[in-house]
């Protein structure tokens, strides 16, 4: 892409900055940086499974209803195992309920 040129990918308007390797998101879009993406095989603890299911809700809204049910199950299991983290886990649940998935992911990542 040329400097200042824009491209639309799945509704995200992405533009190249003036410097090589710089880009801008011009509208509200769902995104995760590479280090924030969890693969299924990495979800080897309950906390990581909770993160993964929130990630799936965030990135694939067409499956949200089914994944919210899974979220509630995993969330309950994590709460039973980590009662000392009740406040953080309730914050995660509130963020998911309000569809603030990116912030829910950030908070969940602090649990592992």
Protein backbone atom coordinates (compact mmCIF):
# COMPACT_ATOMS: atom_id res chain seq x y z
CA UNK A 1 0.00 0.00 0.00
CA UNK A 2 1.11 3.55 -0.66
CA UNK A 3 1.37 6.06 2.22
CA UNK A 4 -2.11 7.34 3.09
CA UNK A 5 -3.83 4.60 1.06
CA UNK A 6 -6.76 2.79 2.69
CA UNK A 7 -8.17 -0.70 2.39
CA UNK A 8 -11.35 -2.21 3.84
CA UNK A 9 -11.11 -5.71 5.32
CA UNK A 10 -14.32 -7.20 6.75
CA UNK A 11 -15.62 -3.72 7.49
CA UNK A 12 -12.39 -2.43 9.04
CA UNK A 13 -11.04 0.66 7.30
CA UNK A 14 -7.25 0.33 7.51
CA UNK A 15 -4.91 3.00 6.24
CA UNK A 16 -1.16 3.01 5.85
CA UNK A 17 0.70 5.72 7.71
CA UNK A 18 3.51 7.79 6.29
CA UNK A 19 6.20 5.60 7.86
CA UNK A 20 6.73 2.02 6.62
CA UNK A 21 4.99 -0.46 8.88
CA UNK A 22 2.57 2.06 10.38
CA UNK A 23 -1.17 1.79 9.94
CA UNK A 24 -4.37 3.31 11.31
CA UNK A 25 -7.81 1.90 12.03
CA UNK A 26 -10.34 4.52 10.93
CA UNK A 27 -13.48 3.01 12.41
CA UNK A 28 -14.47 0.89 15.39
CA UNK A 29 -13.46 -2.70 14.65
CA UNK A 30 -12.74 -5.88 16.52
CA UNK A 31 -9.05 -6.66 16.62
CA UNK A 32 -6.50 -8.58 18.62
CA UNK A 33 -2.76 -8.25 18.34
CA UNK A 34 -0.85 -11.45 17.67
CA UNK A 35 0.34 -11.79 21.27
CA UNK A 36 -3.28 -11.48 22.48
CA UNK A 37 -4.58 -14.33 20.31
CA UNK A 38 -4.88 -17.66 22.09
CA UNK A 39 -4.96 -20.90 20.14
CA UNK A 40 -7.16 -23.73 21.37
CA UNK A 41 -4.18 -25.93 22.26
CA UNK A 42 -2.84 -23.16 24.53
CA UNK A 43 -6.00 -23.22 26.68
CA UNK A 44 -4.55 -25.73 29.14
CA UNK A 45 -5.93 -24.22 32.36
CA UNK A 46 -9.42 -23.08 33.36
CA UNK A 47 -8.29 -19.44 33.31
CA UNK A 48 -6.96 -19.83 29.79
CA UNK A 49 -10.15 -21.64 28.73
CA UNK A 50 -12.09 -18.66 30.07
CA UNK A 51 -9.91 -16.32 27.99
CA UNK A 52 -10.36 -18.49 24.89
CA UNK A 53 -14.15 -18.56 25.14
CA UNK A 54 -14.29 -14.77 25.58
CA UNK A 55 -12.05 -14.47 22.52
CA UNK A 56 -14.45 -16.66 20.53
CA UNK A 57 -17.45 -14.57 21.62
CA UNK A 58 -15.57 -11.41 20.63
CA UNK A 59 -14.37 -12.56 17.22
CA UNK A 60 -17.30 -14.74 16.14
CA UNK A 61 -20.55 -13.02 17.15
CA UNK A 62 -22.55 -15.44 15.00
CA UNK A 63 -21.81 -18.12 17.64
CA UNK A 64 -22.12 -15.84 20.66
CA UNK A 65 -25.26 -17.40 22.17
CA UNK A 66 -23.70 -20.86 22.28
CA UNK A 67 -20.34 -19.53 23.54
CA UNK A 68 -21.94 -17.40 26.27
CA UNK A 69 -23.38 -20.61 27.74
CA UNK A 70 -19.87 -22.14 27.69
CA UNK A 71 -18.49 -18.93 29.23
CA UNK A 72 -20.93 -19.18 32.14
CA UNK A 73 -19.95 -22.81 32.78
CA UNK A 74 -16.22 -22.14 32.71
CA UNK A 75 -16.63 -18.91 34.70
CA UNK A 76 -18.43 -20.87 37.44
CA UNK A 77 -15.67 -23.47 37.54
CA UNK A 78 -12.96 -20.80 37.83
CA UNK A 79 -14.91 -19.09 40.61
CA UNK A 80 -15.17 -22.37 42.54
CA UNK A 81 -11.42 -22.94 42.21
CA UNK A 82 -10.42 -19.33 42.90
CA UNK A 83 -12.87 -17.85 45.43
CA UNK A 84 -10.27 -15.25 46.37
CA UNK A 85 -10.59 -13.76 42.89
CA UNK A 86 -14.37 -13.33 43.09
CA UNK A 87 -14.22 -9.56 42.55
CA UNK A 88 -12.04 -9.83 39.42
CA UNK A 89 -14.19 -12.64 38.06
CA UNK A 90 -17.38 -10.67 38.67
CA UNK A 91 -15.79 -7.76 36.80
CA UNK A 92 -15.02 -10.12 33.90
CA UNK A 93 -18.64 -11.32 33.88
CA UNK A 94 -19.93 -7.73 33.91
CA UNK A 95 -17.69 -6.82 30.99
CA UNK A 96 -18.87 -9.85 29.00
CA UNK A 97 -22.50 -9.05 29.81
CA UNK A 98 -22.00 -5.47 28.59
CA UNK A 99 -20.24 -6.81 25.45
CA UNK A 100 -16.94 -5.13 26.35
CA UNK A 101 -15.03 -8.22 25.32
CA UNK A 102 -11.64 -6.64 24.74
CA UNK A 103 -11.48 -5.33 28.30
CA UNK A 104 -12.78 -8.69 29.57
CA UNK A 105 -9.89 -10.38 27.79
CA UNK A 106 -7.36 -8.00 29.31
CA UNK A 107 -8.71 -8.60 32.81
CA UNK A 108 -8.89 -12.37 32.33
CA UNK A 109 -5.27 -12.46 31.15
CA UNK A 110 -4.24 -11.11 34.56
CA UNK A 111 -5.52 -14.34 36.12
CA UNK A 112 -2.75 -16.41 34.49
